[in-house]
Amino acid sequence: NRGLQASGFHPSVTVSFPEGLPRGTDRAVHVSAI
């Protein structure tokens, strides 16, 4: 979600596994913006 506002952008990210998750999966999340 880019989070558009009059004063700029206030983005957010949602990460999930709605249909289940293989056991042992690396669940770390890395985010960057350019």
ModelCIF file with pLDDT and N, C-alpha, C, O atoms, coordinates in Angstrom:
data_MODEL
#
_entry.id   MODEL 
#
_entity.id                         1 
_entity.type                       polymer 
_entity.pdbx_number_of_molecules   1 
#
_entity_poly.entity_id                      1 
_entity_poly.type                           'polypeptide(L)' 
_entity_poly.nstd_linkage                   no 
_entity_poly.nstd_monomer                   no 
_entity_poly.pdbx_seq_one_letter_code       NRGLQASGFHPSVTVSFPEGLPRGTDRAVHVSAI 
_entity_poly.pdbx_seq_one_letter_code_can   NRGLQASGFHPSVTVSFPEGLPRGTDRAVHVSAI 
_entity_poly.pdbx_strand_id                 A 
#
loop_
_entity_poly_seq.entity_id 
_entity_poly_seq.num 
_entity_poly_seq.mon_id 
_entity_poly_seq.hetero 
1 1  ASN n 
1 2  ARG n 
1 3  GLY n 
1 4  LEU n 
1 5  GLN n 
1 6  ALA n 
1 7  SER n 
1 8  GLY n 
1 9  PHE n 
1 10 HIS n 
1 11 PRO n 
1 12 SER n 
1 13 VAL n 
1 14 THR n 
1 15 VAL n 
1 16 SER n 
1 17 PHE n 
1 18 PRO n 
1 19 GLU n 
1 20 GLY n 
1 21 LEU n 
1 22 PRO n 
1 23 ARG n 
1 24 GLY n 
1 25 THR n 
1 26 ASP n 
1 27 ARG n 
1 28 ALA n 
1 29 VAL n 
1 30 HIS n 
1 31 VAL n 
1 32 SER n 
1 33 ALA n 
1 34 ILE n 
#
_struct_asym.id          A 
_struct_asym.entity_id   1 
#
loop_
_ma_qa_metric.id 
_ma_qa_metric.mode 
_ma_qa_metric.name 
_ma_qa_metric.software_group_id 
_ma_qa_metric.type 
1 global pLDDT . pLDDT 
2 local  pLDDT . pLDDT 
#
_ma_qa_metric_global.metric_id      1 
_ma_qa_metric_global.metric_value   96.24 
_ma_qa_metric_global.model_id       1 
_ma_qa_metric_global.ordinal_id     1 
#
loop_
_ma_qa_metric_local.label_asym_id 
_ma_qa_metric_local.label_comp_id 
_ma_qa_metric_local.label_seq_id 
_ma_qa_metric_local.metric_id 
_ma_qa_metric_local.metric_value 
_ma_qa_metric_local.model_id 
_ma_qa_metric_local.ordinal_id 
A ASN 1  2 97.00 1 1  
A ARG 2  2 97.00 1 2  
A GLY 3  2 97.00 1 3  
A LEU 4  2 97.00 1 4  
A GLN 5  2 96.00 1 5  
A ALA 6  2 95.00 1 6  
A SER 7  2 95.00 1 7  
A GLY 8  2 95.00 1 8  
A PHE 9  2 97.00 1 9  
A HIS 10 2 97.00 1 10 
A PRO 11 2 97.00 1 11 
A SER 12 2 97.00 1 12 
A VAL 13 2 98.00 1 13 
A THR 14 2 97.00 1 14 
A VAL 15 2 97.00 1 15 
A SER 16 2 95.00 1 16 
A PHE 17 2 96.00 1 17 
A PRO 18 2 96.00 1 18 
A GLU 19 2 97.00 1 19 
A GLY 20 2 96.00 1 20 
A LEU 21 2 94.00 1 21 
A PRO 22 2 95.00 1 22 
A ARG 23 2 94.00 1 23 
A GLY 24 2 93.00 1 24 
A THR 25 2 94.00 1 25 
A ASP 26 2 95.00 1 26 
A ARG 27 2 96.00 1 27 
A ALA 28 2 97.00 1 28 
A VAL 29 2 97.00 1 29 
A HIS 30 2 98.00 1 30 
A VAL 31 2 98.00 1 31 
A SER 32 2 98.00 1 32 
A ALA 33 2 97.00 1 33 
A ILE 34 2 97.00 1 34 
#
loop_
_atom_site.group_PDB 
_atom_site.id 
_atom_site.type_symbol 
_atom_site.label_atom_id 
_atom_site.label_alt_id 
_atom_site.label_comp_id 
_atom_site.label_asym_id 
_atom_site.label_entity_id 
_atom_site.label_seq_id 
_atom_site.pdbx_PDB_ins_code 
_atom_site.Cartn_x 
_atom_site.Cartn_y 
_atom_site.Cartn_z 
_atom_site.occupancy 
_atom_site.B_iso_or_equiv 
_atom_site.pdbx_formal_charge 
_atom_site.auth_seq_id 
_atom_site.auth_comp_id 
_atom_site.auth_asym_id 
_atom_site.auth_atom_id 
_atom_site.pdbx_PDB_model_num 
ATOM 1   N N  . ASN A 1 1  ? 0.866  -1.183  0.000  1.00 97.00 ? 1  ASN A N  1 
ATOM 2   C CA . ASN A 1 1  ? 0.000  0.000   0.000  1.00 97.00 ? 1  ASN A CA 1 
ATOM 3   C C  . ASN A 1 1  ? 0.903  1.234   0.000  1.00 97.00 ? 1  ASN A C  1 
ATOM 4   O O  . ASN A 1 1  ? 1.692  1.437   0.923  1.00 97.00 ? 1  ASN A O  1 
ATOM 5   N N  . ARG A 1 2  ? 0.777  2.057   -1.049 1.00 97.00 ? 2  ARG A N  1 
ATOM 6   C CA . ARG A 1 2  ? 1.670  3.217   -1.158 1.00 97.00 ? 2  ARG A CA 1 
ATOM 7   C C  . ARG A 1 2  ? 1.352  4.315   -0.157 1.00 97.00 ? 2  ARG A C  1 
ATOM 8   O O  . ARG A 1 2  ? 2.199  5.168   0.106  1.00 97.00 ? 2  ARG A O  1 
ATOM 9   N N  . GLY A 1 3  ? 0.153  4.312   0.407  1.00 97.00 ? 3  GLY A N  1 
ATOM 10  C CA . GLY A 1 3  ? -0.180 5.268   1.464  1.00 97.00 ? 3  GLY A CA 1 
ATOM 11  C C  . GLY A 1 3  ? -0.178 6.711   1.015  1.00 97.00 ? 3  GLY A C  1 
ATOM 12  O O  . GLY A 1 3  ? 0.430  7.566   1.660  1.00 97.00 ? 3  GLY A O  1 
ATOM 13  N N  . LEU A 1 4  ? -0.871 6.995   -0.114 1.00 97.00 ? 4  LEU A N  1 
ATOM 14  C CA . LEU A 1 4  ? -0.896 8.359   -0.657 1.00 97.00 ? 4  LEU A CA 1 
ATOM 15  C C  . LEU A 1 4  ? -1.558 9.326   0.314  1.00 97.00 ? 4  LEU A C  1 
ATOM 16  O O  . LEU A 1 4  ? -2.650 9.066   0.818  1.00 97.00 ? 4  LEU A O  1 
ATOM 17  N N  . GLN A 1 5  ? -0.887 10.437  0.568  1.00 96.00 ? 5  GLN A N  1 
ATOM 18  C CA . GLN A 1 5  ? -1.423 11.526  1.372  1.00 96.00 ? 5  GLN A CA 1 
ATOM 19  C C  . GLN A 1 5  ? -1.072 12.843  0.690  1.00 96.00 ? 5  GLN A C  1 
ATOM 20  O O  . GLN A 1 5  ? -0.218 12.890  -0.196 1.00 96.00 ? 5  GLN A O  1 
ATOM 21  N N  . ALA A 1 6  ? -1.737 13.904  1.111  1.00 95.00 ? 6  ALA A N  1 
ATOM 22  C CA . ALA A 1 6  ? -1.412 15.213  0.544  1.00 95.00 ? 6  ALA A CA 1 
ATOM 23  C C  . ALA A 1 6  ? 0.024  15.612  0.869  1.00 95.00 ? 6  ALA A C  1 
ATOM 24  O O  . ALA A 1 6  ? 0.642  16.371  0.122  1.00 95.00 ? 6  ALA A O  1 
ATOM 25  N N  . SER A 1 7  ? 0.554  15.108  1.971  1.00 95.00 ? 7  SER A N  1 
ATOM 26  C CA . SER A 1 7  ? 1.906  15.476  2.409  1.00 95.00 ? 7  SER A CA 1 
ATOM 27  C C  . SER A 1 7  ? 2.977  14.511  1.921  1.00 95.00 ? 7  SER A C  1 
ATOM 28  O O  . SER A 1 7  ? 4.138  14.641  2.312  1.00 95.00 ? 7  SER A O  1 
ATOM 29  N N  . GLY A 1 8  ? 2.619  13.549  1.079  1.00 95.00 ? 8  GLY A N  1 
ATOM 30  C CA . GLY A 1 8  ? 3.599  12.583  0.587  1.00 95.00 ? 8  GLY A CA 1 
ATOM 31  C C  . GLY A 1 8  ? 3.031  11.171  0.592  1.00 95.00 ? 8  GLY A C  1 
ATOM 32  O O  . GLY A 1 8  ? 1.822  10.978  0.466  1.00 95.00 ? 8  GLY A O  1 
ATOM 33  N N  . PHE A 1 9  ? 3.910  10.192  0.739  1.00 97.00 ? 9  PHE A N  1 
ATOM 34  C CA . PHE A 1 9  ? 3.494  8.789   0.792  1.00 97.00 ? 9  PHE A CA 1 
ATOM 35  C C  . PHE A 1 9  ? 3.896  8.202   2.140  1.00 97.00 ? 9  PHE A C  1 
ATOM 36  O O  . PHE A 1 9  ? 5.000  8.432   2.632  1.00 97.00 ? 9  PHE A O  1 
ATOM 37  N N  . HIS A 1 10 ? 2.973  7.437   2.725  1.00 97.00 ? 10 HIS A N  1 
ATOM 38  C CA . HIS A 1 10 ? 3.253  6.736   3.981  1.00 97.00 ? 10 HIS A CA 1 
ATOM 39  C C  . HIS A 1 10 ? 2.943  5.259   3.749  1.00 97.00 ? 10 HIS A C  1 
ATOM 40  O O  . HIS A 1 10 ? 1.892  4.771   4.164  1.00 97.00 ? 10 HIS A O  1 
ATOM 41  N N  . PRO A 1 11 ? 3.866  4.539   3.079  1.00 97.00 ? 11 PRO A N  1 
ATOM 42  C CA . PRO A 1 11 ? 3.557  3.179   2.616  1.00 97.00 ? 11 PRO A CA 1 
ATOM 43  C C  . PRO A 1 11 ? 3.549  2.149   3.738  1.00 97.00 ? 11 PRO A C  1 
ATOM 44  O O  . PRO A 1 11 ? 4.128  2.352   4.805  1.00 97.00 ? 11 PRO A O  1 
ATOM 45  N N  . SER A 1 12 ? 2.878  1.046   3.461  1.00 97.00 ? 12 SER A N  1 
ATOM 46  C CA . SER A 1 12 ? 2.870  -0.102  4.363  1.00 97.00 ? 12 SER A CA 1 
ATOM 47  C C  . SER A 1 12 ? 2.903  -1.371  3.526  1.00 97.00 ? 12 SER A C  1 
ATOM 48  O O  . SER A 1 12 ? 2.527  -1.370  2.354  1.00 97.00 ? 12 SER A O  1 
ATOM 49  N N  . VAL A 1 13 ? 3.356  -2.445  4.143  1.00 98.00 ? 13 VAL A N  1 
ATOM 50  C CA . VAL A 1 13 ? 3.457  -3.749  3.489  1.00 98.00 ? 13 VAL A CA 1 
ATOM 51  C C  . VAL A 1 13 ? 2.823  -4.798  4.400  1.00 98.00 ? 13 VAL A C  1 
ATOM 52  O O  . VAL A 1 13 ? 3.069  -4.823  5.606  1.00 98.00 ? 13 VAL A O  1 
ATOM 53  N N  . THR A 1 14 ? 1.999  -5.667  3.799  1.00 97.00 ? 14 THR A N  1 
ATOM 54  C CA . THR A 1 14 ? 1.417  -6.793  4.528  1.00 97.00 ? 14 THR A CA 1 
ATOM 55  C C  . THR A 1 14 ? 1.862  -8.086  3.861  1.00 97.00 ? 14 THR A C  1 
ATOM 56  O O  . THR A 1 14 ? 1.681  -8.270  2.657  1.00 97.00 ? 14 THR A O  1 
ATOM 57  N N  . VAL A 1 15 ? 2.443  -8.975  4.648  1.00 97.00 ? 15 VAL A N  1 
ATOM 58  C CA . VAL A 1 15 ? 2.930  -10.261 4.147  1.00 97.00 ? 15 VAL A CA 1 
ATOM 59  C C  . VAL A 1 15 ? 2.236  -11.375 4.923  1.00 97.00 ? 15 VAL A C  1 
ATOM 60  O O  . VAL A 1 15 ? 2.144  -11.321 6.150  1.00 97.00 ? 15 VAL A O  1 
ATOM 61  N N  . SER A 1 16 ? 1.748  -12.386 4.205  1.00 95.00 ? 16 SER A N  1 
ATOM 62  C CA . SER A 1 16 ? 1.037  -13.478 4.867  1.00 95.00 ? 16 SER A CA 1 
ATOM 63  C C  . SER A 1 16 ? 1.142  -14.754 4.048  1.00 95.00 ? 16 SER A C  1 
ATOM 64  O O  . SER A 1 16 ? 1.604  -14.745 2.907  1.00 95.00 ? 16 SER A O  1 
ATOM 65  N N  . PHE A 1 17 ? 0.708  -15.840 4.646  1.00 96.00 ? 17 PHE A N  1 
ATOM 66  C CA . PHE A 1 17 ? 0.606  -17.140 3.976  1.00 96.00 ? 17 PHE A CA 1 
ATOM 67  C C  . PHE A 1 17 ? -0.830 -17.637 4.181  1.00 96.00 ? 17 PHE A C  1 
ATOM 68  O O  . PHE A 1 17 ? -1.061 -18.525 5.001  1.00 96.00 ? 17 PHE A O  1 
ATOM 69  N N  . PRO A 1 18 ? -1.797 -17.074 3.445  1.00 96.00 ? 18 PRO A N  1 
ATOM 70  C CA . PRO A 1 18 ? -3.208 -17.376 3.716  1.00 96.00 ? 18 PRO A CA 1 
ATOM 71  C C  . PRO A 1 18 ? -3.614 -18.815 3.449  1.00 96.00 ? 18 PRO A C  1 
ATOM 72  O O  . PRO A 1 18 ? -4.652 -19.255 3.942  1.00 96.00 ? 18 PRO A O  1 
ATOM 73  N N  . GLU A 1 19 ? -2.823 -19.564 2.678  1.00 97.00 ? 19 GLU A N  1 
ATOM 74  C CA . GLU A 1 19 ? -3.165 -20.959 2.398  1.00 97.00 ? 19 GLU A CA 1 
ATOM 75  C C  . GLU A 1 19 ? -2.215 -21.930 3.068  1.00 97.00 ? 19 GLU A C  1 
ATOM 76  O O  . GLU A 1 19 ? -2.130 -23.091 2.667  1.00 97.00 ? 19 GLU A O  1 
ATOM 77  N N  . GLY A 1 20 ? -1.490 -21.466 4.096  1.00 96.00 ? 20 GLY A N  1 
ATOM 78  C CA . GLY A 1 20 ? -0.567 -22.339 4.803  1.00 96.00 ? 20 GLY A CA 1 
ATOM 79  C C  . GLY A 1 20 ? 0.878  -22.037 4.441  1.00 96.00 ? 20 GLY A C  1 
ATOM 80  O O  . GLY A 1 20 ? 1.168  -21.292 3.506  1.00 96.00 ? 20 GLY A O  1 
ATOM 81  N N  . LEU A 1 21 ? 1.778  -22.646 5.217  1.00 94.00 ? 21 LEU A N  1 
ATOM 82  C CA . LEU A 1 21 ? 3.198  -22.320 5.124  1.00 94.00 ? 21 LEU A CA 1 
ATOM 83  C C  . LEU A 1 21 ? 4.036  -23.598 5.211  1.00 94.00 ? 21 LEU A C  1 
ATOM 84  O O  . LEU A 1 21 ? 3.865  -24.374 6.152  1.00 94.00 ? 21 LEU A O  1 
ATOM 85  N N  . PRO A 1 22 ? 4.941  -23.835 4.250  1.00 95.00 ? 22 PRO A N  1 
ATOM 86  C CA . PRO A 1 22 ? 5.865  -24.972 4.383  1.00 95.00 ? 22 PRO A CA 1 
ATOM 87  C C  . PRO A 1 22 ? 6.726  -24.809 5.631  1.00 95.00 ? 22 PRO A C  1 
ATOM 88  O O  . PRO A 1 22 ? 7.360  -23.773 5.832  1.00 95.00 ? 22 PRO A O  1 
ATOM 89  N N  . ARG A 1 23 ? 6.739  -25.842 6.461  1.00 94.00 ? 23 ARG A N  1 
ATOM 90  C CA . ARG A 1 23 ? 7.503  -25.772 7.713  1.00 94.00 ? 23 ARG A CA 1 
ATOM 91  C C  . ARG A 1 23 ? 8.984  -25.547 7.411  1.00 94.00 ? 23 ARG A C  1 
ATOM 92  O O  . ARG A 1 23 ? 9.534  -26.127 6.475  1.00 94.00 ? 23 ARG A O  1 
ATOM 93  N N  . GLY A 1 24 ? 9.620  -24.695 8.219  1.00 93.00 ? 24 GLY A N  1 
ATOM 94  C CA . GLY A 1 24 ? 11.028 -24.391 8.035  1.00 93.00 ? 24 GLY A CA 1 
ATOM 95  C C  . GLY A 1 24 ? 11.293 -23.221 7.110  1.00 93.00 ? 24 GLY A C  1 
ATOM 96  O O  . GLY A 1 24 ? 12.451 -22.883 6.866  1.00 93.00 ? 24 GLY A O  1 
ATOM 97  N N  . THR A 1 25 ? 10.239 -22.589 6.583  1.00 94.00 ? 25 THR A N  1 
ATOM 98  C CA . THR A 1 25 ? 10.411 -21.457 5.677  1.00 94.00 ? 25 THR A CA 1 
ATOM 99  C C  . THR A 1 25 ? 11.012 -20.256 6.412  1.00 94.00 ? 25 THR A C  1 
ATOM 100 O O  . THR A 1 25 ? 10.628 -19.946 7.540  1.00 94.00 ? 25 THR A O  1 
ATOM 101 N N  . ASP A 1 26 ? 11.952 -19.593 5.755  1.00 95.00 ? 26 ASP A N  1 
ATOM 102 C CA . ASP A 1 26 ? 12.508 -18.355 6.285  1.00 95.00 ? 26 ASP A CA 1 
ATOM 103 C C  . ASP A 1 26 ? 11.430 -17.278 6.205  1.00 95.00 ? 26 ASP A C  1 
ATOM 104 O O  . ASP A 1 26 ? 11.031 -16.880 5.111  1.00 95.00 ? 26 ASP A O  1 
ATOM 105 N N  . ARG A 1 27 ? 10.955 -16.802 7.360  1.00 96.00 ? 27 ARG A N  1 
ATOM 106 C CA . ARG A 1 27 ? 9.840  -15.857 7.402  1.00 96.00 ? 27 ARG A CA 1 
ATOM 107 C C  . ARG A 1 27 ? 10.292 -14.405 7.547  1.00 96.00 ? 27 ARG A C  1 
ATOM 108 O O  . ARG A 1 27 ? 9.469  -13.514 7.755  1.00 96.00 ? 27 ARG A O  1 
ATOM 109 N N  . ALA A 1 28 ? 11.606 -14.167 7.437  1.00 97.00 ? 28 ALA A N  1 
ATOM 110 C CA . ALA A 1 28 ? 12.120 -12.804 7.557  1.00 97.00 ? 28 ALA A CA 1 
ATOM 111 C C  . ALA A 1 28 ? 11.731 -11.974 6.331  1.00 97.00 ? 28 ALA A C  1 
ATOM 112 O O  . ALA A 1 28 ? 11.797 -12.446 5.196  1.00 97.00 ? 28 ALA A O  1 
ATOM 113 N N  . VAL A 1 29 ? 11.326 -10.734 6.586  1.00 97.00 ? 29 VAL A N  1 
ATOM 114 C CA . VAL A 1 29 ? 10.868 -9.835  5.530  1.00 97.00 ? 29 VAL A CA 1 
ATOM 115 C C  . VAL A 1 29 ? 11.850 -8.677  5.395  1.00 97.00 ? 29 VAL A C  1 
ATOM 116 O O  . VAL A 1 29 ? 12.209 -8.037  6.384  1.00 97.00 ? 29 VAL A O  1 
ATOM 117 N N  . HIS A 1 30 ? 12.281 -8.413  4.165  1.00 98.00 ? 30 HIS A N  1 
ATOM 118 C CA . HIS A 1 30 ? 13.188 -7.301  3.869  1.00 98.00 ? 30 HIS A CA 1 
ATOM 119 C C  . HIS A 1 30 ? 12.487 -6.358  2.890  1.00 98.00 ? 30 HIS A C  1 
ATOM 120 O O  . HIS A 1 30 ? 11.924 -6.800  1.888  1.00 98.00 ? 30 HIS A O  1 
ATOM 121 N N  . VAL A 1 31 ? 12.523 -5.068  3.182  1.00 98.00 ? 31 VAL A N  1 
ATOM 122 C CA . VAL A 1 31 ? 11.827 -4.075  2.355  1.00 98.00 ? 31 VAL A CA 1 
ATOM 123 C C  . VAL A 1 31 ? 12.792 -2.945  2.002  1.00 98.00 ? 31 VAL A C  1 
ATOM 124 O O  . VAL A 1 31 ? 13.579 -2.502  2.839  1.00 98.00 ? 31 VAL A O  1 
ATOM 125 N N  . SER A 1 32 ? 12.721 -2.491  0.772  1.00 98.00 ? 32 SER A N  1 
ATOM 126 C CA . SER A 1 32 ? 13.508 -1.335  0.342  1.00 98.00 ? 32 SER A CA 1 
ATOM 127 C C  . SER A 1 32 ? 12.665 -0.501  -0.607 1.00 98.00 ? 32 SER A C  1 
ATOM 128 O O  . SER A 1 32 ? 11.668 -0.975  -1.152 1.00 98.00 ? 32 SER A O  1 
ATOM 129 N N  . ALA A 1 33 ? 13.077 0.751   -0.798 1.00 97.00 ? 33 ALA A N  1 
ATOM 130 C CA . ALA A 1 33 ? 12.359 1.645   -1.711 1.00 97.00 ? 33 ALA A CA 1 
ATOM 131 C C  . ALA A 1 33 ? 13.367 2.511   -2.447 1.00 97.00 ? 33 ALA A C  1 
ATOM 132 O O  . ALA A 1 33 ? 14.339 2.999   -1.870 1.00 97.00 ? 33 ALA A O  1 
ATOM 133 N N  . ILE A 1 34 ? 13.109 2.687   -3.730 1.00 97.00 ? 34 ILE A N  1 
ATOM 134 C CA . ILE A 1 34 ? 13.922 3.591   -4.546 1.00 97.00 ? 34 ILE A CA 1 
ATOM 135 C C  . ILE A 1 34 ? 12.997 4.495   -5.347 1.00 97.00 ? 34 ILE A C  1 
ATOM 136 O O  . ILE A 1 34 ? 13.467 5.341   -6.109 1.00 97.00 ? 34 ILE A O  1 
#
